[in-house]
Amino acid sequence: MQTEMEKLTQEATGTEEAPRALKKKSVYTPDIQPKRVRKLGDLFTGRRKTAVARVKIVKGTGKVVINSKELEQYFGRRDHRFVVRKPMVLTETAERYDFIVNVYGGGESAQAGAISLGIARGIDAVESDKHSVLRRAGLLTRDPRMVERKKFGLHKARRATQFSKR
């Protein structure tokens, strides 16, 4: 009968096959794809309520084109234009890139918010050093608020019929 030390020496030198309990079990490791690097020309998505904006960033002079219209033509209200330009102004990238936007759904305010999020995500991907500025301003966070659905038996989501005592 072999001592424990002799068994270990045989296993280490490979003269005898190791017992089944000591064999290393194979562990399944899936093929992990490296994260795709985002670059200029990619589409960045922004959403707000039911509006969806796809933003393409290209080198340029700071022009913003929304659904084939200039920013001033598309948004009549000054505050909507301000919301769209906010990520560019904070990161000082307004003069370096052109933003081509396709937006649909929602109203004007929702579309402005969606475009702002798409532009912020694009700037964050292209210039990673601007991440903290955008995060601090709250421009990389999607606003989760949505319209509450109407319930049966009510006029609206929460509006019930007027109470009648008699």
N, C-alpha and C. Protein backbone atom coordinates (compact mmCIF):
# COMPACT_ATOMS: atom_id res chain seq x y z
N MET A 1 0.82 -1.18 0.00
CA MET A 1 0.00 0.00 0.00
C MET A 1 0.88 1.25 0.00
N GLN A 2 0.49 2.24 -0.83
CA GLN A 2 1.29 3.46 -0.96
C GLN A 2 0.90 4.48 0.11
N THR A 3 1.90 5.22 0.50
CA THR A 3 1.61 6.30 1.44
C THR A 3 1.05 7.49 0.68
N GLU A 4 0.54 8.39 1.44
CA GLU A 4 -0.06 9.59 0.83
C GLU A 4 0.98 10.39 0.06
N MET A 5 2.19 10.48 0.59
CA MET A 5 3.25 11.25 -0.05
C MET A 5 3.65 10.63 -1.39
N GLU A 6 3.71 9.32 -1.46
CA GLU A 6 4.07 8.64 -2.71
C GLU A 6 3.00 8.87 -3.78
N LYS A 7 1.75 8.86 -3.36
CA LYS A 7 0.65 9.11 -4.30
C LYS A 7 0.77 10.50 -4.91
N LEU A 8 1.02 11.50 -4.04
CA LEU A 8 1.13 12.88 -4.52
C LEU A 8 2.33 13.04 -5.45
N THR A 9 3.44 12.35 -5.18
CA THR A 9 4.62 12.44 -6.04
C THR A 9 4.34 11.83 -7.40
N GLN A 10 3.62 10.72 -7.43
CA GLN A 10 3.28 10.08 -8.70
C GLN A 10 2.36 10.98 -9.53
N GLU A 11 1.41 11.63 -8.86
CA GLU A 11 0.50 12.54 -9.57
C GLU A 11 1.26 13.73 -10.14
N ALA A 12 2.21 14.26 -9.36
CA ALA A 12 2.96 15.44 -9.80
C ALA A 12 3.87 15.10 -10.98
N THR A 13 4.48 13.92 -10.95
CA THR A 13 5.38 13.55 -12.04
C THR A 13 4.62 12.99 -13.23
N GLY A 14 3.39 12.61 -13.03
CA GLY A 14 2.57 12.12 -14.14
C GLY A 14 2.78 10.67 -14.45
N THR A 15 3.35 9.91 -13.52
CA THR A 15 3.57 8.50 -13.77
C THR A 15 2.29 7.70 -13.68
N GLU A 16 1.35 8.19 -12.92
CA GLU A 16 0.07 7.49 -12.80
C GLU A 16 -1.04 8.52 -12.95
N GLU A 17 -2.15 8.08 -13.51
CA GLU A 17 -3.27 9.00 -13.74
C GLU A 17 -3.87 9.41 -12.40
N ALA A 18 -4.21 10.70 -12.29
CA ALA A 18 -4.78 11.23 -11.05
C ALA A 18 -6.17 10.65 -10.83
N PRO A 19 -6.55 10.48 -9.56
CA PRO A 19 -7.89 9.97 -9.29
C PRO A 19 -8.96 10.91 -9.83
N ARG A 20 -10.12 10.36 -10.09
CA ARG A 20 -11.23 11.10 -10.70
C ARG A 20 -11.62 12.34 -9.88
N ALA A 21 -11.58 12.28 -8.57
CA ALA A 21 -11.99 13.38 -7.71
C ALA A 21 -11.04 14.58 -7.84
N LEU A 22 -9.78 14.32 -8.16
CA LEU A 22 -8.80 15.40 -8.25
C LEU A 22 -8.74 16.03 -9.64
N LYS A 23 -9.35 15.39 -10.62
CA LYS A 23 -9.33 15.93 -11.97
C LYS A 23 -10.12 17.23 -12.02
N LYS A 24 -9.62 18.19 -12.80
CA LYS A 24 -10.29 19.47 -12.93
C LYS A 24 -11.50 19.31 -13.83
N LYS A 25 -12.64 19.79 -13.35
CA LYS A 25 -13.85 19.70 -14.14
C LYS A 25 -13.88 20.86 -15.12
N SER A 26 -14.33 20.60 -16.33
CA SER A 26 -14.41 21.68 -17.32
C SER A 26 -15.62 22.55 -17.01
N VAL A 27 -15.40 23.85 -17.06
CA VAL A 27 -16.45 24.81 -16.80
C VAL A 27 -16.80 25.49 -18.11
N TYR A 28 -18.10 25.58 -18.41
CA TYR A 28 -18.55 26.20 -19.65
C TYR A 28 -18.35 27.71 -19.57
N THR A 29 -17.61 28.25 -20.49
CA THR A 29 -17.45 29.70 -20.57
C THR A 29 -17.93 30.15 -21.95
N PRO A 30 -18.98 30.96 -22.01
CA PRO A 30 -19.49 31.40 -23.31
C PRO A 30 -18.51 32.36 -23.97
N ASP A 31 -18.59 32.43 -25.29
CA ASP A 31 -17.74 33.37 -26.02
C ASP A 31 -18.25 34.78 -25.75
N ILE A 32 -17.46 35.56 -25.06
CA ILE A 32 -17.85 36.92 -24.71
C ILE A 32 -17.30 37.86 -25.77
N GLN A 33 -18.21 38.56 -26.42
CA GLN A 33 -17.81 39.51 -27.45
C GLN A 33 -17.31 40.79 -26.81
N PRO A 34 -16.24 41.39 -27.33
CA PRO A 34 -15.82 42.68 -26.78
C PRO A 34 -16.85 43.75 -27.10
N LYS A 35 -16.99 44.72 -26.19
CA LYS A 35 -17.97 45.77 -26.38
C LYS A 35 -17.60 46.60 -27.61
N ARG A 36 -18.60 46.86 -28.44
CA ARG A 36 -18.38 47.59 -29.68
C ARG A 36 -18.07 49.06 -29.37
N VAL A 37 -17.04 49.59 -29.99
CA VAL A 37 -16.65 50.98 -29.78
C VAL A 37 -17.52 51.86 -30.66
N ARG A 38 -18.18 52.85 -30.04
CA ARG A 38 -19.02 53.78 -30.79
C ARG A 38 -18.14 54.87 -31.36
N LYS A 39 -18.51 55.36 -32.55
CA LYS A 39 -17.69 56.37 -33.20
C LYS A 39 -18.55 57.37 -33.96
N LEU A 40 -17.92 58.34 -34.57
CA LEU A 40 -18.63 59.31 -35.39
C LEU A 40 -19.38 58.59 -36.50
N GLY A 41 -20.57 59.05 -36.80
CA GLY A 41 -21.37 58.44 -37.87
C GLY A 41 -22.33 57.38 -37.37
N ASP A 42 -22.16 56.92 -36.13
CA ASP A 42 -23.10 55.95 -35.56
C ASP A 42 -24.39 56.65 -35.17
N LEU A 43 -25.46 55.88 -35.01
CA LEU A 43 -26.74 56.42 -34.57
C LEU A 43 -26.87 56.24 -33.06
N PHE A 44 -27.28 57.31 -32.39
CA PHE A 44 -27.48 57.29 -30.95
C PHE A 44 -28.95 57.57 -30.68
N THR A 45 -29.56 56.78 -29.81
CA THR A 45 -30.99 56.86 -29.57
C THR A 45 -31.29 57.63 -28.30
N GLY A 46 -32.33 58.47 -28.39
CA GLY A 46 -32.84 59.15 -27.21
C GLY A 46 -34.34 58.97 -27.17
N ARG A 47 -34.90 58.81 -25.96
CA ARG A 47 -36.35 58.63 -25.82
C ARG A 47 -36.87 59.51 -24.71
N ARG A 48 -38.11 59.97 -24.87
CA ARG A 48 -38.79 60.74 -23.83
C ARG A 48 -40.28 60.57 -24.07
N LYS A 49 -41.03 60.14 -23.08
CA LYS A 49 -42.44 59.79 -23.21
C LYS A 49 -42.60 58.83 -24.38
N THR A 50 -43.30 59.21 -25.45
CA THR A 50 -43.44 58.30 -26.60
C THR A 50 -42.61 58.77 -27.79
N ALA A 51 -41.76 59.77 -27.61
CA ALA A 51 -40.92 60.27 -28.70
C ALA A 51 -39.61 59.48 -28.77
N VAL A 52 -39.17 59.21 -29.99
CA VAL A 52 -37.92 58.50 -30.21
C VAL A 52 -37.09 59.32 -31.19
N ALA A 53 -35.83 59.58 -30.82
CA ALA A 53 -34.93 60.35 -31.68
C ALA A 53 -33.70 59.51 -31.99
N ARG A 54 -33.31 59.49 -33.27
CA ARG A 54 -32.06 58.85 -33.69
C ARG A 54 -31.13 59.97 -34.14
N VAL A 55 -29.98 60.07 -33.50
CA VAL A 55 -29.05 61.17 -33.74
C VAL A 55 -27.78 60.63 -34.37
N LYS A 56 -27.37 61.25 -35.47
CA LYS A 56 -26.11 60.90 -36.13
C LYS A 56 -25.17 62.09 -35.96
N ILE A 57 -23.96 61.83 -35.47
CA ILE A 57 -22.99 62.90 -35.24
C ILE A 57 -21.89 62.77 -36.27
N VAL A 58 -21.63 63.89 -36.97
CA VAL A 58 -20.55 63.94 -37.97
C VAL A 58 -19.73 65.20 -37.73
N LYS A 59 -18.47 65.19 -38.19
CA LYS A 59 -17.63 66.40 -38.09
C LYS A 59 -18.29 67.52 -38.85
N GLY A 60 -18.25 68.73 -38.29
CA GLY A 60 -18.89 69.83 -38.97
C GLY A 60 -18.75 71.14 -38.23
N THR A 61 -19.76 71.99 -38.39
CA THR A 61 -19.69 73.35 -37.87
C THR A 61 -20.72 73.64 -36.79
N GLY A 62 -21.47 72.66 -36.35
CA GLY A 62 -22.45 72.88 -35.29
C GLY A 62 -23.87 73.00 -35.77
N LYS A 63 -24.15 72.51 -36.98
CA LYS A 63 -25.50 72.57 -37.53
C LYS A 63 -26.34 71.44 -36.96
N VAL A 64 -27.60 71.74 -36.64
CA VAL A 64 -28.53 70.71 -36.17
C VAL A 64 -29.66 70.63 -37.18
N VAL A 65 -29.82 69.45 -37.80
CA VAL A 65 -30.88 69.23 -38.79
C VAL A 65 -31.82 68.17 -38.22
N ILE A 66 -33.10 68.55 -38.09
CA ILE A 66 -34.11 67.65 -37.52
C ILE A 66 -35.15 67.37 -38.58
N ASN A 67 -35.29 66.12 -38.97
CA ASN A 67 -36.24 65.71 -40.01
C ASN A 67 -36.14 66.63 -41.25
N SER A 68 -34.93 66.84 -41.73
CA SER A 68 -34.62 67.65 -42.92
C SER A 68 -34.93 69.13 -42.75
N LYS A 69 -35.09 69.62 -41.52
CA LYS A 69 -35.32 71.04 -41.27
C LYS A 69 -34.27 71.55 -40.30
N GLU A 70 -33.96 72.83 -40.39
CA GLU A 70 -33.05 73.44 -39.43
C GLU A 70 -33.71 73.47 -38.06
N LEU A 71 -32.90 73.58 -37.01
CA LEU A 71 -33.41 73.59 -35.64
C LEU A 71 -34.42 74.71 -35.42
N GLU A 72 -34.13 75.92 -35.93
CA GLU A 72 -35.02 77.07 -35.75
C GLU A 72 -36.35 76.88 -36.47
N GLN A 73 -36.33 76.17 -37.59
CA GLN A 73 -37.58 75.91 -38.33
C GLN A 73 -38.41 74.84 -37.63
N TYR A 74 -37.75 73.83 -37.10
CA TYR A 74 -38.48 72.70 -36.52
C TYR A 74 -39.11 73.07 -35.18
N PHE A 75 -38.34 73.74 -34.31
CA PHE A 75 -38.86 74.13 -33.00
C PHE A 75 -39.09 75.63 -32.98
N GLY A 76 -40.35 76.03 -32.86
CA GLY A 76 -40.68 77.44 -32.80
C GLY A 76 -40.38 78.05 -31.44
N ARG A 77 -40.56 77.28 -30.38
CA ARG A 77 -40.35 77.80 -29.02
C ARG A 77 -38.87 77.82 -28.67
N ARG A 78 -38.46 78.91 -28.03
CA ARG A 78 -37.06 79.10 -27.66
C ARG A 78 -36.60 78.07 -26.62
N ASP A 79 -37.49 77.71 -25.67
CA ASP A 79 -37.09 76.76 -24.62
C ASP A 79 -36.83 75.36 -25.19
N HIS A 80 -37.53 74.97 -26.24
CA HIS A 80 -37.26 73.68 -26.87
C HIS A 80 -35.90 73.70 -27.56
N ARG A 81 -35.57 74.80 -28.21
CA ARG A 81 -34.25 74.92 -28.85
C ARG A 81 -33.15 74.90 -27.79
N PHE A 82 -33.42 75.52 -26.64
CA PHE A 82 -32.45 75.53 -25.54
C PHE A 82 -32.20 74.11 -25.02
N VAL A 83 -33.27 73.33 -24.87
CA VAL A 83 -33.15 71.94 -24.39
C VAL A 83 -32.30 71.12 -25.35
N VAL A 84 -32.49 71.31 -26.66
CA VAL A 84 -31.73 70.56 -27.67
C VAL A 84 -30.25 70.95 -27.64
N ARG A 85 -29.96 72.24 -27.46
CA ARG A 85 -28.58 72.72 -27.51
C ARG A 85 -27.82 72.52 -26.20
N LYS A 86 -28.51 72.23 -25.10
CA LYS A 86 -27.87 72.18 -23.78
C LYS A 86 -26.66 71.23 -23.72
N PRO A 87 -26.75 69.97 -24.22
CA PRO A 87 -25.56 69.11 -24.14
C PRO A 87 -24.37 69.65 -24.92
N MET A 88 -24.64 70.32 -26.05
CA MET A 88 -23.55 70.87 -26.87
C MET A 88 -22.89 72.04 -26.17
N VAL A 89 -23.69 72.88 -25.53
CA VAL A 89 -23.16 74.07 -24.86
C VAL A 89 -22.34 73.68 -23.63
N LEU A 90 -22.86 72.73 -22.83
CA LEU A 90 -22.15 72.32 -21.61
C LEU A 90 -20.80 71.68 -21.92
N THR A 91 -20.73 70.90 -22.99
CA THR A 91 -19.49 70.20 -23.33
C THR A 91 -18.63 70.98 -24.31
N GLU A 92 -19.10 72.13 -24.75
CA GLU A 92 -18.38 73.00 -25.70
C GLU A 92 -18.03 72.27 -26.99
N THR A 93 -18.99 71.51 -27.50
CA THR A 93 -18.78 70.78 -28.76
C THR A 93 -19.68 71.29 -29.87
N ALA A 94 -20.35 72.42 -29.66
CA ALA A 94 -21.30 72.93 -30.64
C ALA A 94 -20.64 73.29 -31.96
N GLU A 95 -19.39 73.72 -31.94
CA GLU A 95 -18.71 74.16 -33.16
C GLU A 95 -17.98 73.03 -33.88
N ARG A 96 -17.87 71.86 -33.25
CA ARG A 96 -17.08 70.78 -33.83
C ARG A 96 -17.87 69.74 -34.61
N TYR A 97 -19.14 69.56 -34.28
CA TYR A 97 -19.93 68.48 -34.88
C TYR A 97 -21.24 68.99 -35.47
N ASP A 98 -21.71 68.28 -36.48
CA ASP A 98 -23.06 68.48 -37.00
C ASP A 98 -23.91 67.34 -36.47
N PHE A 99 -25.19 67.62 -36.20
CA PHE A 99 -26.09 66.64 -35.65
C PHE A 99 -27.26 66.46 -36.61
N ILE A 100 -27.39 65.25 -37.17
CA ILE A 100 -28.49 64.94 -38.08
C ILE A 100 -29.45 64.06 -37.30
N VAL A 101 -30.69 64.54 -37.15
CA VAL A 101 -31.65 63.90 -36.25
C VAL A 101 -32.88 63.46 -37.02
N ASN A 102 -33.35 62.25 -36.70
CA ASN A 102 -34.65 61.78 -37.17
C ASN A 102 -35.47 61.52 -35.93
N VAL A 103 -36.61 62.20 -35.79
CA VAL A 103 -37.41 62.08 -34.57
C VAL A 103 -38.86 61.86 -34.95
N TYR A 104 -39.55 61.02 -34.17
CA TYR A 104 -40.97 60.76 -34.40
C TYR A 104 -41.64 60.46 -33.08
N GLY A 105 -42.97 60.61 -33.08
CA GLY A 105 -43.77 60.31 -31.89
C GLY A 105 -43.75 61.44 -30.88
N GLY A 106 -44.74 61.43 -29.98
CA GLY A 106 -44.80 62.40 -28.91
C GLY A 106 -45.11 63.80 -29.38
N GLY A 107 -45.02 64.76 -28.47
CA GLY A 107 -45.23 66.16 -28.79
C GLY A 107 -43.91 66.89 -28.90
N GLU A 108 -43.99 68.21 -28.97
CA GLU A 108 -42.77 69.00 -29.15
C GLU A 108 -41.81 68.87 -27.96
N SER A 109 -42.33 68.95 -26.74
CA SER A 109 -41.46 68.87 -25.56
C SER A 109 -40.81 67.49 -25.45
N ALA A 110 -41.58 66.45 -25.71
CA ALA A 110 -41.04 65.09 -25.65
C ALA A 110 -39.97 64.91 -26.72
N GLN A 111 -40.20 65.44 -27.91
CA GLN A 111 -39.21 65.32 -28.98
C GLN A 111 -37.94 66.07 -28.63
N ALA A 112 -38.07 67.26 -28.05
CA ALA A 112 -36.89 68.03 -27.65
C ALA A 112 -36.08 67.26 -26.60
N GLY A 113 -36.76 66.65 -25.63
CA GLY A 113 -36.08 65.85 -24.62
C GLY A 113 -35.40 64.64 -25.19
N ALA A 114 -36.05 63.98 -26.15
CA ALA A 114 -35.47 62.80 -26.79
C ALA A 114 -34.23 63.17 -27.60
N ILE A 115 -34.29 64.27 -28.32
CA ILE A 115 -33.14 64.73 -29.10
C ILE A 115 -31.98 65.07 -28.17
N SER A 116 -32.28 65.74 -27.06
CA SER A 116 -31.24 66.11 -26.09
C SER A 116 -30.53 64.88 -25.55
N LEU A 117 -31.29 63.84 -25.20
CA LEU A 117 -30.70 62.60 -24.70
C LEU A 117 -29.84 61.93 -25.76
N GLY A 118 -30.34 61.89 -27.00
CA GLY A 118 -29.57 61.28 -28.10
C GLY A 118 -28.27 62.02 -28.35
N ILE A 119 -28.30 63.35 -28.34
CA ILE A 119 -27.09 64.15 -28.54
C ILE A 119 -26.11 63.92 -27.39
N ALA A 120 -26.62 63.91 -26.16
CA ALA A 120 -25.76 63.69 -24.98
C ALA A 120 -25.09 62.32 -25.04
N ARG A 121 -25.84 61.29 -25.42
CA ARG A 121 -25.26 59.95 -25.53
C ARG A 121 -24.20 59.91 -26.62
N GLY A 122 -24.45 60.60 -27.72
CA GLY A 122 -23.48 60.64 -28.80
C GLY A 122 -22.20 61.34 -28.41
N ILE A 123 -22.32 62.49 -27.76
CA ILE A 123 -21.13 63.22 -27.30
C ILE A 123 -20.36 62.39 -26.29
N ASP A 124 -21.07 61.70 -25.41
CA ASP A 124 -20.44 60.85 -24.40
C ASP A 124 -19.64 59.72 -25.06
N ALA A 125 -20.18 59.14 -26.13
CA ALA A 125 -19.49 58.04 -26.81
C ALA A 125 -18.29 58.53 -27.62
N VAL A 126 -18.43 59.68 -28.24
CA VAL A 126 -17.36 60.20 -29.10
C VAL A 126 -16.24 60.82 -28.26
N GLU A 127 -16.61 61.56 -27.23
CA GLU A 127 -15.63 62.20 -26.36
C GLU A 127 -15.86 61.74 -24.93
N SER A 128 -15.19 60.67 -24.54
CA SER A 128 -15.45 60.04 -23.24
C SER A 128 -15.05 60.92 -22.06
N ASP A 129 -14.19 61.92 -22.26
CA ASP A 129 -13.79 62.79 -21.16
C ASP A 129 -14.92 63.74 -20.74
N LYS A 130 -15.98 63.85 -21.53
CA LYS A 130 -17.10 64.73 -21.21
C LYS A 130 -18.19 64.02 -20.39
N HIS A 131 -17.97 62.75 -20.05
CA HIS A 131 -18.99 61.95 -19.37
C HIS A 131 -19.42 62.57 -18.04
N SER A 132 -18.46 62.99 -17.22
CA SER A 132 -18.81 63.51 -15.89
C SER A 132 -19.61 64.80 -15.98
N VAL A 133 -19.30 65.65 -16.97
CA VAL A 133 -20.04 66.91 -17.15
C VAL A 133 -21.50 66.61 -17.50
N LEU A 134 -21.69 65.68 -18.44
CA LEU A 134 -23.04 65.31 -18.87
C LEU A 134 -23.81 64.62 -17.76
N ARG A 135 -23.14 63.76 -17.01
CA ARG A 135 -23.79 63.02 -15.92
C ARG A 135 -24.23 63.99 -14.81
N ARG A 136 -23.36 64.93 -14.45
CA ARG A 136 -23.68 65.90 -13.40
C ARG A 136 -24.88 66.77 -13.78
N ALA A 137 -24.99 67.08 -15.05
CA ALA A 137 -26.11 67.91 -15.51
C ALA A 137 -27.39 67.09 -15.68
N GLY A 138 -27.30 65.77 -15.54
CA GLY A 138 -28.48 64.90 -15.65
C GLY A 138 -28.90 64.65 -17.08
N LEU A 139 -28.00 64.83 -18.03
CA LEU A 139 -28.35 64.70 -19.45
C LEU A 139 -28.23 63.26 -19.97
N LEU A 140 -27.61 62.36 -19.21
CA LEU A 140 -27.47 60.98 -19.66
C LEU A 140 -28.53 60.06 -19.06
N THR A 141 -29.41 60.62 -18.25
CA THR A 141 -30.45 59.83 -17.61
C THR A 141 -31.75 59.95 -18.38
N ARG A 142 -32.34 58.80 -18.73
CA ARG A 142 -33.61 58.81 -19.45
C ARG A 142 -34.71 59.10 -18.45
N ASP A 143 -35.60 60.01 -18.79
CA ASP A 143 -36.73 60.36 -17.92
C ASP A 143 -37.76 59.23 -18.02
N PRO A 144 -38.01 58.49 -16.94
CA PRO A 144 -38.87 57.31 -17.03
C PRO A 144 -40.37 57.61 -16.98
N ARG A 145 -40.74 58.87 -16.77
CA ARG A 145 -42.17 59.18 -16.60
C ARG A 145 -42.93 58.98 -17.91
N MET A 146 -44.03 58.23 -17.83
CA MET A 146 -44.88 57.97 -18.98
C MET A 146 -46.32 58.29 -18.58
N VAL A 147 -47.17 58.43 -19.57
CA VAL A 147 -48.59 58.70 -19.30
C VAL A 147 -49.22 57.45 -18.70
N GLU A 148 -49.97 57.64 -17.61
CA GLU A 148 -50.63 56.51 -16.97
C GLU A 148 -51.82 56.07 -17.81
N ARG A 149 -52.05 54.77 -17.89
CA ARG A 149 -53.12 54.28 -18.75
C ARG A 149 -54.49 54.53 -18.13
N LYS A 150 -55.51 54.64 -18.99
CA LYS A 150 -56.88 54.83 -18.54
C LYS A 150 -57.42 53.51 -18.01
N LYS A 151 -58.13 53.57 -16.88
CA LYS A 151 -58.72 52.37 -16.31
C LYS A 151 -60.22 52.34 -16.64
N PHE A 152 -60.75 51.14 -16.78
CA PHE A 152 -62.17 51.01 -17.08
C PHE A 152 -62.98 51.47 -15.88
N GLY A 153 -64.14 52.04 -16.15
CA GLY A 153 -64.99 52.56 -15.08
C GLY A 153 -64.64 53.97 -14.65
N LEU A 154 -63.55 54.53 -15.19
CA LEU A 154 -63.14 55.89 -14.88
C LEU A 154 -63.11 56.71 -16.16
N HIS A 155 -63.16 58.05 -16.02
CA HIS A 155 -63.10 58.92 -17.19
C HIS A 155 -61.69 58.94 -17.78
N LYS A 156 -60.71 59.05 -16.90
CA LYS A 156 -59.31 59.08 -17.32
C LYS A 156 -58.55 58.07 -16.46
N ALA A 157 -57.25 58.27 -16.27
CA ALA A 157 -56.46 57.33 -15.48
C ALA A 157 -56.95 57.26 -14.04
N ARG A 158 -57.28 58.42 -13.46
CA ARG A 158 -57.72 58.44 -12.06
C ARG A 158 -59.02 59.21 -11.86
N ARG A 159 -59.50 59.92 -12.85
CA ARG A 159 -60.69 60.76 -12.72
C ARG A 159 -61.95 59.89 -12.75
N ALA A 160 -62.66 59.88 -11.63
CA ALA A 160 -63.90 59.10 -11.52
C ALA A 160 -65.09 60.02 -11.76
N THR A 161 -66.27 59.44 -11.81
CA THR A 161 -67.48 60.27 -11.96
C THR A 161 -67.70 61.05 -10.68
N GLN A 162 -68.43 62.15 -10.78
CA GLN A 162 -68.68 62.99 -9.61
C GLN A 162 -69.54 62.23 -8.61
N PHE A 163 -69.19 62.33 -7.33
CA PHE A 163 -69.94 61.63 -6.29
C PHE A 163 -71.30 62.29 -6.09
N SER A 164 -72.33 61.46 -6.06
CA SER A 164 -73.67 61.98 -5.82
C SER A 164 -74.22 61.30 -4.55
N LYS A 165 -74.56 62.13 -3.56
CA LYS A 165 -75.01 61.59 -2.28
C LYS A 165 -76.39 60.97 -2.42
N ARG A 166 -77.28 61.56 -3.22
CA ARG A 166 -78.64 61.02 -3.38
C ARG A 166 -78.94 60.68 -4.83
